[in-house]
Full PDB file with SEQRES, HELIX, SHEET, SSBOND, CRYST1, ORIGX, SCALE, CONECT and MASTER records, all heavy atoms in Angstrom:
SEQRES   1 A   45  GLY LEU LEU SER THR MET PRO VAL MET GLY GLN THR THR          
SEQRES   2 A   45  GLY PHE ASP MET LEU ASP LEU GLY ALA ASN ALA ASP ASN          
SEQRES   3 A   45  LYS ALA GLU HIS LEU VAL GLN TYR ALA ILE LEU GLY SER          
SEQRES   4 A   45  PHE TYR ALA ASN ASN VAL                                      
HELIX    1 AA1 ALA A   28  ASN A   44  1                                  17    
SHEET    1 AA1 2 SER A   4  MET A   6  0                                        
SHEET    2 AA1 2 PHE A  15  MET A  17 -1                                        
CRYST1    1.000    1.000    1.000  90.00  90.00  90.00 P 1           1          
ORIGX1      1.000000  0.000000  0.000000        0.00000                         
ORIGX2      0.000000  1.000000  0.000000        0.00000                         
ORIGX3      0.000000  0.000000  1.000000        0.00000                         
SCALE1      1.000000  0.000000  0.000000        0.00000                         
SCALE2      0.000000  1.000000  0.000000        0.00000                         
SCALE3      0.000000  0.000000  1.000000        0.00000                         
ATOM      1  N   GLY A   1     -65.319-133.634-150.485  1.00  0.00           N  
ATOM      2  CA  GLY A   1     -65.435-135.134-150.150  1.00  0.00           C  
ATOM      3  C   GLY A   1     -64.684-136.021-151.095  1.00  0.00           C  
ATOM      4  O   GLY A   1     -64.647-135.758-152.308  1.00  0.00           O  
ATOM      5  N   LEU A   2     -64.240-137.126-150.622  1.00  0.00           N  
ATOM      6  CA  LEU A   2     -63.642-138.118-151.459  1.00  0.00           C  
ATOM      7  C   LEU A   2     -64.665-139.141-151.979  1.00  0.00           C  
ATOM      8  O   LEU A   2     -65.326-139.750-151.177  1.00  0.00           O  
ATOM      9  CB  LEU A   2     -62.523-138.877-150.630  1.00  0.00           C  
ATOM     10  CG  LEU A   2     -61.579-139.791-151.528  1.00  0.00           C  
ATOM     11  CD1 LEU A   2     -60.791-138.995-152.579  1.00  0.00           C  
ATOM     12  CD2 LEU A   2     -60.636-140.680-150.615  1.00  0.00           C  
ATOM     13  N   LEU A   3     -64.890-139.062-153.169  1.00  0.00           N  
ATOM     14  CA  LEU A   3     -66.017-139.861-153.822  1.00  0.00           C  
ATOM     15  C   LEU A   3     -65.551-140.958-154.674  1.00  0.00           C  
ATOM     16  O   LEU A   3     -64.601-140.817-155.447  1.00  0.00           O  
ATOM     17  CB  LEU A   3     -66.878-138.809-154.571  1.00  0.00           C  
ATOM     18  CG  LEU A   3     -68.143-139.357-155.357  1.00  0.00           C  
ATOM     19  CD1 LEU A   3     -69.223-138.309-155.578  1.00  0.00           C  
ATOM     20  CD2 LEU A   3     -67.670-139.925-156.837  1.00  0.00           C  
ATOM     21  N   SER A   4     -66.274-142.091-154.620  1.00  0.00           N  
ATOM     22  CA  SER A   4     -65.805-143.253-155.463  1.00  0.00           C  
ATOM     23  C   SER A   4     -67.185-143.906-155.856  1.00  0.00           C  
ATOM     24  O   SER A   4     -68.156-144.008-155.126  1.00  0.00           O  
ATOM     25  CB  SER A   4     -64.923-144.263-154.732  1.00  0.00           C  
ATOM     26  OG  SER A   4     -64.508-145.238-155.664  1.00  0.00           O  
ATOM     27  N   THR A   5     -67.101-144.458-157.079  1.00  0.00           N  
ATOM     28  CA  THR A   5     -68.229-145.214-157.558  1.00  0.00           C  
ATOM     29  C   THR A   5     -68.034-146.755-157.221  1.00  0.00           C  
ATOM     30  O   THR A   5     -66.971-147.303-157.643  1.00  0.00           O  
ATOM     31  CB  THR A   5     -68.469-145.008-159.109  1.00  0.00           C  
ATOM     32  OG1 THR A   5     -68.684-143.691-159.337  1.00  0.00           O  
ATOM     33  CG2 THR A   5     -69.700-145.793-159.543  1.00  0.00           C  
ATOM     34  N   MET A   6     -69.039-147.338-156.563  1.00  0.00           N  
ATOM     35  CA  MET A   6     -68.872-148.715-156.107  1.00  0.00           C  
ATOM     36  C   MET A   6     -69.831-149.669-156.881  1.00  0.00           C  
ATOM     37  O   MET A   6     -70.877-149.148-157.402  1.00  0.00           O  
ATOM     38  CB  MET A   6     -69.160-148.765-154.618  1.00  0.00           C  
ATOM     39  CG  MET A   6     -68.420-147.804-153.764  1.00  0.00           C  
ATOM     40  SD  MET A   6     -66.612-148.181-153.829  1.00  0.00           S  
ATOM     41  CE  MET A   6     -66.595-149.680-152.784  1.00  0.00           C  
ATOM     42  N   PRO A   7     -69.522-150.948-156.908  1.00  0.00           N  
ATOM     43  CA  PRO A   7     -70.439-151.773-157.649  1.00  0.00           C  
ATOM     44  C   PRO A   7     -71.656-152.225-156.952  1.00  0.00           C  
ATOM     45  O   PRO A   7     -71.905-152.126-155.870  1.00  0.00           O  
ATOM     46  CB  PRO A   7     -69.589-153.124-157.738  1.00  0.00           C  
ATOM     47  CG  PRO A   7     -68.671-153.171-156.447  1.00  0.00           C  
ATOM     48  CD  PRO A   7     -68.382-151.642-156.374  1.00  0.00           C  
ATOM     49  N   VAL A   8     -72.708-152.441-157.898  1.00  0.00           N  
ATOM     50  CA  VAL A   8     -74.068-152.967-157.408  1.00  0.00           C  
ATOM     51  C   VAL A   8     -74.210-154.311-158.018  1.00  0.00           C  
ATOM     52  O   VAL A   8     -74.046-154.376-159.400  1.00  0.00           O  
ATOM     53  CB  VAL A   8     -75.145-151.997-157.847  1.00  0.00           C  
ATOM     54  CG1 VAL A   8     -76.603-152.664-157.557  1.00  0.00           C  
ATOM     55  CG2 VAL A   8     -75.050-150.720-156.975  1.00  0.00           C  
ATOM     56  N   MET A   9     -74.527-155.286-157.278  1.00  0.00           N  
ATOM     57  CA  MET A   9     -74.618-156.618-157.863  1.00  0.00           C  
ATOM     58  C   MET A   9     -75.775-156.701-158.894  1.00  0.00           C  
ATOM     59  O   MET A   9     -77.003-156.320-158.697  1.00  0.00           O  
ATOM     60  CB  MET A   9     -74.974-157.635-156.742  1.00  0.00           C  
ATOM     61  CG  MET A   9     -73.896-157.712-155.617  1.00  0.00           C  
ATOM     62  SD  MET A   9     -72.318-158.211-156.264  1.00  0.00           S  
ATOM     63  CE  MET A   9     -71.383-156.814-156.501  1.00  0.00           C  
ATOM     64  N   GLY A  10     -75.419-157.235-160.001  1.00  0.00           N  
ATOM     65  CA  GLY A  10     -76.422-157.370-161.084  1.00  0.00           C  
ATOM     66  C   GLY A  10     -76.756-156.194-161.954  1.00  0.00           C  
ATOM     67  O   GLY A  10     -77.603-156.213-162.827  1.00  0.00           O  
ATOM     68  N   GLN A  11     -75.975-155.073-161.682  1.00  0.00           N  
ATOM     69  CA  GLN A  11     -76.226-153.889-162.387  1.00  0.00           C  
ATOM     70  C   GLN A  11     -74.915-153.292-162.928  1.00  0.00           C  
ATOM     71  O   GLN A  11     -73.903-153.686-162.444  1.00  0.00           O  
ATOM     72  CB  GLN A  11     -76.907-152.799-161.543  1.00  0.00           C  
ATOM     73  CG  GLN A  11     -78.395-153.191-161.025  1.00  0.00           C  
ATOM     74  CD  GLN A  11     -78.952-152.127-160.119  1.00  0.00           C  
ATOM     75  OE1 GLN A  11     -78.669-150.922-160.203  1.00  0.00           O  
ATOM     76  NE2 GLN A  11     -79.848-152.549-159.309  1.00  0.00           N  
ATOM     77  N   THR A  12     -75.007-152.514-163.912  1.00  0.00           N  
ATOM     78  CA  THR A  12     -73.745-151.801-164.451  1.00  0.00           C  
ATOM     79  C   THR A  12     -73.528-150.411-163.949  1.00  0.00           C  
ATOM     80  O   THR A  12     -72.506-149.890-164.246  1.00  0.00           O  
ATOM     81  CB  THR A  12     -73.806-151.832-165.931  1.00  0.00           C  
ATOM     82  OG1 THR A  12     -75.000-151.160-166.429  1.00  0.00           O  
ATOM     83  CG2 THR A  12     -73.884-153.286-166.448  1.00  0.00           C  
ATOM     84  N   THR A  13     -74.528-149.816-163.307  1.00  0.00           N  
ATOM     85  CA  THR A  13     -74.459-148.387-162.958  1.00  0.00           C  
ATOM     86  C   THR A  13     -73.618-148.149-161.653  1.00  0.00           C  
ATOM     87  O   THR A  13     -72.916-147.144-161.579  1.00  0.00           O  
ATOM     88  CB  THR A  13     -75.860-147.787-162.763  1.00  0.00           C  
ATOM     89  OG1 THR A  13     -76.564-148.689-161.774  1.00  0.00           O  
ATOM     90  CG2 THR A  13     -76.624-147.837-163.975  1.00  0.00           C  
ATOM     91  N   GLY A  14     -73.824-148.976-160.655  1.00  0.00           N  
ATOM     92  CA  GLY A  14     -73.034-148.771-159.366  1.00  0.00           C  
ATOM     93  C   GLY A  14     -73.685-147.691-158.530  1.00  0.00           C  
ATOM     94  O   GLY A  14     -74.714-147.112-158.986  1.00  0.00           O  
ATOM     95  N   PHE A  15     -73.059-147.249-157.503  1.00  0.00           N  
ATOM     96  CA  PHE A  15     -73.471-146.135-156.711  1.00  0.00           C  
ATOM     97  C   PHE A  15     -72.325-145.353-156.217  1.00  0.00           C  
ATOM     98  O   PHE A  15     -71.155-145.858-156.110  1.00  0.00           O  
ATOM     99  CB  PHE A  15     -74.267-146.575-155.413  1.00  0.00           C  
ATOM    100  CG  PHE A  15     -73.466-147.346-154.413  1.00  0.00           C  
ATOM    101  CD1 PHE A  15     -73.004-146.742-153.325  1.00  0.00           C  
ATOM    102  CD2 PHE A  15     -73.170-148.705-154.461  1.00  0.00           C  
ATOM    103  CE1 PHE A  15     -72.332-147.308-152.268  1.00  0.00           C  
ATOM    104  CE2 PHE A  15     -72.397-149.330-153.545  1.00  0.00           C  
ATOM    105  CZ  PHE A  15     -71.929-148.625-152.422  1.00  0.00           C  
ATOM    106  N   ASP A  16     -72.515-144.087-156.039  1.00  0.00           N  
ATOM    107  CA  ASP A  16     -71.473-143.120-155.525  1.00  0.00           C  
ATOM    108  C   ASP A  16     -71.593-142.927-154.067  1.00  0.00           C  
ATOM    109  O   ASP A  16     -72.632-142.791-153.471  1.00  0.00           O  
ATOM    110  CB  ASP A  16     -71.666-141.712-156.175  1.00  0.00           C  
ATOM    111  CG  ASP A  16     -71.563-141.798-157.756  1.00  0.00           C  
ATOM    112  OD1 ASP A  16     -70.580-142.390-158.215  1.00  0.00           O  
ATOM    113  OD2 ASP A  16     -72.318-141.233-158.423  1.00  0.00           O  
ATOM    114  N   MET A  17     -70.314-143.057-153.410  1.00  0.00           N  
ATOM    115  CA  MET A  17     -70.357-142.935-151.961  1.00  0.00           C  
ATOM    116  C   MET A  17     -69.243-141.836-151.531  1.00  0.00           C  
ATOM    117  O   MET A  17     -68.243-141.833-152.147  1.00  0.00           O  
ATOM    118  CB  MET A  17     -70.006-144.267-151.325  1.00  0.00           C  
ATOM    119  CG  MET A  17     -70.041-144.322-149.868  1.00  0.00           C  
ATOM    120  SD  MET A  17     -69.867-146.003-149.248  1.00  0.00           S  
ATOM    121  CE  MET A  17     -69.857-145.764-147.483  1.00  0.00           C  
ATOM    122  N   LEU A  18     -69.623-141.082-150.523  1.00  0.00           N  
ATOM    123  CA  LEU A  18     -68.716-140.125-150.030  1.00  0.00           C  
ATOM    124  C   LEU A  18     -69.254-139.655-148.692  1.00  0.00           C  
ATOM    125  O   LEU A  18     -70.381-139.782-148.380  1.00  0.00           O  
ATOM    126  CB  LEU A  18     -68.576-138.796-150.906  1.00  0.00           C  
ATOM    127  CG  LEU A  18     -69.667-137.829-151.122  1.00  0.00           C  
ATOM    128  CD1 LEU A  18     -69.119-136.583-151.700  1.00  0.00           C  
ATOM    129  CD2 LEU A  18     -70.904-138.346-151.734  1.00  0.00           C  
ATOM    130  N   ASP A  19     -68.264-139.302-147.796  1.00  0.00           N  
ATOM    131  CA  ASP A  19     -66.859-139.100-147.934  1.00  0.00           C  
ATOM    132  C   ASP A  19     -66.167-140.521-147.503  1.00  0.00           C  
ATOM    133  O   ASP A  19     -66.552-141.147-146.631  1.00  0.00           O  
ATOM    134  CB  ASP A  19     -66.429-138.043-146.887  1.00  0.00           C  
ATOM    135  CG  ASP A  19     -64.965-137.734-146.969  1.00  0.00           C  
ATOM    136  OD1 ASP A  19     -64.347-138.024-147.896  1.00  0.00           O  
ATOM    137  OD2 ASP A  19     -64.449-137.316-145.897  1.00  0.00           O  
ATOM    138  N   LEU A  20     -65.119-140.797-148.315  1.00  0.00           N  
ATOM    139  CA  LEU A  20     -64.387-142.030-148.122  1.00  0.00           C  
ATOM    140  C   LEU A  20     -63.077-141.798-147.355  1.00  0.00           C  
ATOM    141  O   LEU A  20     -62.287-142.729-147.529  1.00  0.00           O  
ATOM    142  CB  LEU A  20     -64.152-142.698-149.486  1.00  0.00           C  
ATOM    143  CG  LEU A  20     -65.429-143.191-150.121  1.00  0.00           C  
ATOM    144  CD1 LEU A  20     -65.175-143.723-151.443  1.00  0.00           C  
ATOM    145  CD2 LEU A  20     -66.225-144.155-149.370  1.00  0.00           C  
ATOM    146  N   GLY A  21     -62.940-140.657-146.626  1.00  0.00           N  
ATOM    147  CA  GLY A  21     -61.776-140.587-145.862  1.00  0.00           C  
ATOM    148  C   GLY A  21     -61.004-139.156-146.027  1.00  0.00           C  
ATOM    149  O   GLY A  21     -59.990-139.087-145.343  1.00  0.00           O  
ATOM    150  N   ALA A  22     -61.548-138.314-146.832  1.00  0.00           N  
ATOM    151  CA  ALA A  22     -60.963-136.979-146.779  1.00  0.00           C  
ATOM    152  C   ALA A  22     -61.012-136.275-145.499  1.00  0.00           C  
ATOM    153  O   ALA A  22     -60.161-135.490-145.163  1.00  0.00           O  
ATOM    154  CB  ALA A  22     -61.505-136.168-147.819  1.00  0.00           C  
ATOM    155  N   ASN A  23     -62.076-136.546-144.766  1.00  0.00           N  
ATOM    156  CA  ASN A  23     -62.274-135.787-143.389  1.00  0.00           C  
ATOM    157  C   ASN A  23     -62.821-136.860-142.418  1.00  0.00           C  
ATOM    158  O   ASN A  23     -63.884-137.474-142.653  1.00  0.00           O  
ATOM    159  CB  ASN A  23     -63.412-134.772-143.619  1.00  0.00           C  
ATOM    160  CG  ASN A  23     -63.161-133.800-144.799  1.00  0.00           C  
ATOM    161  OD1 ASN A  23     -62.328-132.881-144.635  1.00  0.00           O  
ATOM    162  ND2 ASN A  23     -63.842-134.024-145.921  1.00  0.00           N  
ATOM    163  N   ALA A  24     -62.158-137.070-141.408  1.00  0.00           N  
ATOM    164  CA  ALA A  24     -62.350-138.133-140.461  1.00  0.00           C  
ATOM    165  C   ALA A  24     -63.556-137.675-139.525  1.00  0.00           C  
ATOM    166  O   ALA A  24     -64.431-138.506-139.140  1.00  0.00           O  
ATOM    167  CB  ALA A  24     -61.166-138.351-139.557  1.00  0.00           C  
ATOM    168  N   ASP A  25     -63.608-136.353-139.267  1.00  0.00           N  
ATOM    169  CA  ASP A  25     -64.755-135.768-138.439  1.00  0.00           C  
ATOM    170  C   ASP A  25     -65.495-134.860-139.151  1.00  0.00           C  
ATOM    171  O   ASP A  25     -64.968-133.897-139.974  1.00  0.00           O  
ATOM    172  CB  ASP A  25     -64.061-135.061-137.242  1.00  0.00           C  
ATOM    173  CG  ASP A  25     -63.280-135.895-136.338  1.00  0.00           C  
ATOM    174  OD1 ASP A  25     -63.912-136.978-135.827  1.00  0.00           O  
ATOM    175  OD2 ASP A  25     -62.030-135.691-136.083  1.00  0.00           O  
ATOM    176  N   ASN A  26     -66.863-134.942-139.028  1.00  0.00           N  
ATOM    177  CA  ASN A  26     -67.827-134.127-139.780  1.00  0.00           C  
ATOM    178  C   ASN A  26     -68.907-133.581-139.027  1.00  0.00           C  
ATOM    179  O   ASN A  26     -69.269-134.173-137.999  1.00  0.00           O  
ATOM    180  CB  ASN A  26     -68.351-134.820-140.975  1.00  0.00           C  
ATOM    181  CG  ASN A  26     -67.345-135.281-142.173  1.00  0.00           C  
ATOM    182  OD1 ASN A  26     -66.902-136.347-142.283  1.00  0.00           O  
ATOM    183  ND2 ASN A  26     -66.821-134.208-142.840  1.00  0.00           N  
ATOM    184  N   LYS A  27     -69.455-132.392-139.446  1.00  0.00           N  
ATOM    185  CA  LYS A  27     -70.678-131.910-138.935  1.00  0.00           C  
ATOM    186  C   LYS A  27     -71.813-132.295-139.856  1.00  0.00           C  
ATOM    187  O   LYS A  27     -71.500-132.684-141.037  1.00  0.00           O  
ATOM    188  CB  LYS A  27     -70.575-130.402-138.824  1.00  0.00           C  
ATOM    189  CG  LYS A  27     -69.448-129.844-137.880  1.00  0.00           C  
ATOM    190  CD  LYS A  27     -69.493-128.353-138.044  1.00  0.00           C  
ATOM    191  CE  LYS A  27     -68.318-127.783-137.118  1.00  0.00           C  
ATOM    192  NZ  LYS A  27     -68.354-126.318-137.275  1.00  0.00           N  
ATOM    193  N   ALA A  28     -73.037-132.188-139.368  1.00  0.00           N  
ATOM    194  CA  ALA A  28     -74.185-132.561-140.188  1.00  0.00           C  
ATOM    195  C   ALA A  28     -74.185-131.707-141.471  1.00  0.00           C  
ATOM    196  O   ALA A  28     -74.651-132.188-142.505  1.00  0.00           O  
ATOM    197  CB  ALA A  28     -75.528-132.382-139.455  1.00  0.00           C  
ATOM    198  N   GLU A  29     -73.803-130.478-141.294  1.00  0.00           N  
ATOM    199  CA  GLU A  29     -73.795-129.509-142.519  1.00  0.00           C  
ATOM    200  C   GLU A  29     -72.788-130.043-143.644  1.00  0.00           C  
ATOM    201  O   GLU A  29     -73.099-129.790-144.798  1.00  0.00           O  
ATOM    202  CB  GLU A  29     -73.447-128.166-142.092  1.00  0.00           C  
ATOM    203  CG  GLU A  29     -74.515-127.403-141.264  1.00  0.00           C  
ATOM    204  CD  GLU A  29     -74.512-127.871-139.736  1.00  0.00           C  
ATOM    205  OE1 GLU A  29     -73.595-128.608-139.361  1.00  0.00           O  
ATOM    206  OE2 GLU A  29     -75.447-127.466-139.063  1.00  0.00           O  
ATOM    207  N   HIS A  30     -71.745-130.693-143.148  1.00  0.00           N  
ATOM    208  CA  HIS A  30     -70.794-131.296-144.124  1.00  0.00           C  
ATOM    209  C   HIS A  30     -71.422-132.362-144.951  1.00  0.00           C  
ATOM    210  O   HIS A  30     -71.281-132.418-146.186  1.00  0.00           O  
ATOM    211  CB  HIS A  30     -69.521-131.741-143.447  1.00  0.00           C  
ATOM    212  CG  HIS A  30     -68.776-130.775-142.698  1.00  0.00           C  
ATOM    213  ND1 HIS A  30     -68.053-130.943-141.566  1.00  0.00           N  
ATOM    214  CD2 HIS A  30     -68.701-129.388-142.856  1.00  0.00           C  
ATOM    215  CE1 HIS A  30     -67.483-129.849-141.110  1.00  0.00           C  
ATOM    216  NE2 HIS A  30     -67.881-128.801-141.951  1.00  0.00           N  
ATOM    217  N   LEU A  31     -72.178-133.240-144.186  1.00  0.00           N  
ATOM    218  CA  LEU A  31     -72.868-134.316-144.904  1.00  0.00           C  
ATOM    219  C   LEU A  31     -73.929-133.862-145.876  1.00  0.00           C  
ATOM    220  O   LEU A  31     -74.120-134.534-146.872  1.00  0.00           O  
ATOM    221  CB  LEU A  31     -73.359-135.304-143.830  1.00  0.00           C  
ATOM    222  CG  LEU A  31     -72.357-136.375-143.376  1.00  0.00           C  
ATOM    223  CD1 LEU A  31     -71.191-135.809-142.665  1.00  0.00           C  
ATOM    224  CD2 LEU A  31     -73.125-137.414-142.513  1.00  0.00           C  
ATOM    225  N   VAL A  32     -74.648-132.851-145.547  1.00  0.00           N  
ATOM    226  CA  VAL A  32     -75.535-132.177-146.398  1.00  0.00           C  
ATOM    227  C   VAL A  32     -74.886-131.751-147.709  1.00  0.00           C  
ATOM    228  O   VAL A  32     -75.315-132.006-148.847  1.00  0.00           O  
ATOM    229  CB  VAL A  32     -76.386-131.029-145.798  1.00  0.00           C  
ATOM    230  CG1 VAL A  32     -77.230-130.387-146.857  1.00  0.00           C  
ATOM    231  CG2 VAL A  32     -77.133-131.604-144.633  1.00  0.00           C  
ATOM    232  N   GLN A  33     -73.654-131.139-147.586  1.00  0.00           N  
ATOM    233  CA  GLN A  33     -72.905-130.711-148.748  1.00  0.00           C  
ATOM    234  C   GLN A  33     -72.513-131.902-149.561  1.00  0.00           C  
ATOM    235  O   GLN A  33     -72.504-131.944-150.723  1.00  0.00           O  
ATOM    236  CB  GLN A  33     -71.685-129.900-148.451  1.00  0.00           C  
ATOM    237  CG  GLN A  33     -71.972-128.486-148.155  1.00  0.00           C  
ATOM    238  CD  GLN A  33     -70.791-127.567-148.291  1.00  0.00           C  
ATOM    239  OE1 GLN A  33     -69.613-127.988-148.238  1.00  0.00           O  
ATOM    240  NE2 GLN A  33     -71.100-126.309-148.446  1.00  0.00           N  
ATOM    241  N   TYR A  34     -72.050-133.089-148.960  1.00  0.00           N  
ATOM    242  CA  TYR A  34     -71.753-134.274-149.566  1.00  0.00           C  
ATOM    243  C   TYR A  34     -72.921-134.794-150.353  1.00  0.00           C  
ATOM    244  O   TYR A  34     -72.731-135.316-151.436  1.00  0.00           O  
ATOM    245  CB  TYR A  34     -71.312-135.272-148.524  1.00  0.00           C  
ATOM    246  CG  TYR A  34     -69.987-135.094-147.846  1.00  0.00           C  
ATOM    247  CD1 TYR A  34     -69.794-135.693-146.590  1.00  0.00           C  
ATOM    248  CD2 TYR A  34     -69.081-134.202-148.273  1.00  0.00           C  
ATOM    249  CE1 TYR A  34     -68.586-135.457-145.863  1.00  0.00           C  
ATOM    250  CE2 TYR A  34     -68.002-133.854-147.683  1.00  0.00           C  
ATOM    251  CZ  TYR A  34     -67.655-134.540-146.321  1.00  0.00           C  
ATOM    252  OH  TYR A  34     -66.549-134.325-145.680  1.00  0.00           O  
ATOM    253  N   ALA A  35     -74.029-134.703-149.821  1.00  0.00           N  
ATOM    254  CA  ALA A  35     -75.287-135.152-150.586  1.00  0.00           C  
ATOM    255  C   ALA A  35     -75.481-134.366-151.882  1.00  0.00           C  
ATOM    256  O   ALA A  35     -75.788-134.951-152.910  1.00  0.00           O  
ATOM    257  CB  ALA A  35     -76.496-135.031-149.661  1.00  0.00           C  
ATOM    258  N   ILE A  36     -75.292-133.069-151.749  1.00  0.00           N  
ATOM    259  CA  ILE A  36     -75.411-132.202-152.940  1.00  0.00           C  
ATOM    260  C   ILE A  36     -74.382-132.528-153.940  1.00  0.00           C  
ATOM    261  O   ILE A  36     -74.642-132.720-155.118  1.00  0.00           O  
ATOM    262  CB  ILE A  36     -75.373-130.789-152.514  1.00  0.00           C  
ATOM    263  CG1 ILE A  36     -76.545-130.384-151.564  1.00  0.00           C  
ATOM    264  CG2 ILE A  36     -75.354-129.788-153.804  1.00  0.00           C  
ATOM    265  CD1 ILE A  36     -76.494-129.059-150.926  1.00  0.00           C  
ATOM    266  N   LEU A  37     -73.115-132.628-153.480  1.00  0.00           N  
ATOM    267  CA  LEU A  37     -71.926-133.002-154.298  1.00  0.00           C  
ATOM    268  C   LEU A  37     -72.148-134.236-155.026  1.00  0.00           C  
ATOM    269  O   LEU A  37     -71.928-134.531-156.288  1.00  0.00           O  
ATOM    270  CB  LEU A  37     -70.607-133.014-153.573  1.00  0.00           C  
ATOM    271  CG  LEU A  37     -70.155-131.550-152.951  1.00  0.00           C  
ATOM    272  CD1 LEU A  37     -68.940-131.823-152.070  1.00  0.00           C  
ATOM    273  CD2 LEU A  37     -69.772-130.699-154.171  1.00  0.00           C  
ATOM    274  N   GLY A  38     -72.548-135.360-154.300  1.00  0.00           N  
ATOM    275  CA  GLY A  38     -72.751-136.670-154.870  1.00  0.00           C  
ATOM    276  C   GLY A  38     -73.848-136.777-155.857  1.00  0.00           C  
ATOM    277  O   GLY A  38     -73.742-137.449-156.910  1.00  0.00           O  
ATOM    278  N   SER A  39     -74.883-136.032-155.502  1.00  0.00           N  
ATOM    279  CA  SER A  39     -76.005-135.997-156.332  1.00  0.00           C  
ATOM    280  C   SER A  39     -75.608-135.217-157.673  1.00  0.00           C  
ATOM    281  O   SER A  39     -76.061-135.691-158.747  1.00  0.00           O  
ATOM    282  CB  SER A  39     -77.246-135.299-155.741  1.00  0.00           C  
ATOM    283  OG  SER A  39     -78.372-135.221-156.535  1.00  0.00           O  
ATOM    284  N   PHE A  40     -74.881-134.174-157.594  1.00  0.00           N  
ATOM    285  CA  PHE A  40     -74.394-133.379-158.757  1.00  0.00           C  
ATOM    286  C   PHE A  40     -73.525-134.347-159.658  1.00  0.00           C  
ATOM    287  O   PHE A  40     -73.707-134.272-160.797  1.00  0.00           O  
ATOM    288  CB  PHE A  40     -73.681-132.250-158.181  1.00  0.00           C  
ATOM    289  CG  PHE A  40     -73.627-131.105-159.200  1.00  0.00           C  
ATOM    290  CD1 PHE A  40     -74.581-130.179-159.315  1.00  0.00           C  
ATOM    291  CD2 PHE A  40     -72.504-131.007-160.077  1.00  0.00           C  
ATOM    292  CE1 PHE A  40     -74.606-129.097-160.321  1.00  0.00           C  
ATOM    293  CE2 PHE A  40     -72.457-129.969-161.058  1.00  0.00           C  
ATOM    294  CZ  PHE A  40     -73.442-129.090-161.080  1.00  0.00           C  
ATOM    295  N   TYR A  41     -72.732-135.029-159.024  1.00  0.00           N  
ATOM    296  CA  TYR A  41     -71.704-135.922-159.784  1.00  0.00           C  
ATOM    297  C   TYR A  41     -72.504-137.056-160.484  1.00  0.00           C  
ATOM    298  O   TYR A  41     -72.362-137.261-161.644  1.00  0.00           O  
ATOM    299  CB  TYR A  41     -70.692-136.506-158.846  1.00  0.00           C  
ATOM    300  CG  TYR A  41     -69.699-137.396-159.545  1.00  0.00           C  
ATOM    301  CD1 TYR A  41     -68.456-136.864-159.996  1.00  0.00           C  
ATOM    302  CD2 TYR A  41     -69.847-138.758-159.720  1.00  0.00           C  
ATOM    303  CE1 TYR A  41     -67.536-137.660-160.503  1.00  0.00           C  
ATOM    304  CE2 TYR A  41     -68.926-139.573-160.391  1.00  0.00           C  
ATOM    305  CZ  TYR A  41     -67.725-138.989-160.739  1.00  0.00           C  
ATOM    306  OH  TYR A  41     -66.819-139.797-161.409  1.00  0.00           O  
ATOM    307  N   ALA A  42     -73.345-137.713-159.771  1.00  0.00           N  
ATOM    308  CA  ALA A  42     -74.196-138.833-160.325  1.00  0.00           C  
ATOM    309  C   ALA A  42     -75.099-138.371-161.482  1.00  0.00           C  
ATOM    310  O   ALA A  42     -75.192-139.052-162.493  1.00  0.00           O  
ATOM    311  CB  ALA A  42     -75.043-139.444-159.240  1.00  0.00           C  
ATOM    312  N   ASN A  43     -75.577-137.159-161.382  1.00  0.00           N  
ATOM    313  CA  ASN A  43     -76.424-136.639-162.442  1.00  0.00           C  
ATOM    314  C   ASN A  43     -75.596-136.150-163.665  1.00  0.00           C  
ATOM    315  O   ASN A  43     -75.990-136.590-164.820  1.00  0.00           O  
ATOM    316  CB  ASN A  43     -77.242-135.481-161.874  1.00  0.00           C  
ATOM    317  CG  ASN A  43     -78.048-134.803-163.011  1.00  0.00           C  
ATOM    318  OD1 ASN A  43     -77.946-133.664-163.243  1.00  0.00           O  
ATOM    319  ND2 ASN A  43     -78.982-135.463-163.610  1.00  0.00           N  
ATOM    320  N   ASN A  44     -74.558-135.431-163.487  1.00  0.00           N  
ATOM    321  CA  ASN A  44     -73.778-134.821-164.525  1.00  0.00           C  
ATOM    322  C   ASN A  44     -72.797-135.770-165.218  1.00  0.00           C  
ATOM    323  O   ASN A  44     -72.606-135.743-166.404  1.00  0.00           O  
ATOM    324  CB  ASN A  44     -73.035-133.484-164.102  1.00  0.00           C  
ATOM    325  CG  ASN A  44     -73.977-132.391-163.877  1.00  0.00           C  
ATOM    326  OD1 ASN A  44     -74.368-131.644-164.754  1.00  0.00           O  
ATOM    327  ND2 ASN A  44     -74.523-132.292-162.656  1.00  0.00           N  
ATOM    328  N   VAL A  45     -72.044-136.608-164.426  1.00  0.00           N  
ATOM    329  CA  VAL A  45     -71.025-137.405-164.961  1.00  0.00           C  
ATOM    330  C   VAL A  45     -71.536-138.809-165.342  1.00  0.00           C  
ATOM    331  O   VAL A  45     -71.203-139.375-166.354  1.00  0.00           O  
ATOM    332  CB  VAL A  45     -69.948-137.635-163.909  1.00  0.00           C  
ATOM    333  CG1 VAL A  45     -68.789-138.542-164.482  1.00  0.00           C  
ATOM    334  CG2 VAL A  45     -69.258-136.187-163.625  1.00  0.00           C  
TER     335      VAL A  45                                                      
MASTER        0    0    0    1    2    0    0    6  334    1    0    4          
END                                                                             
């Protein structure tokens, strides 16, 4: 998934969002993987 960190008003941390356009059509299973990927990135990076 294409992941980007976006701003949160009044905070410096922001939030990670995906998919931002790598795949136009998705199955529910893909979105579950995005959740795991995004959580992994937010935690480790």
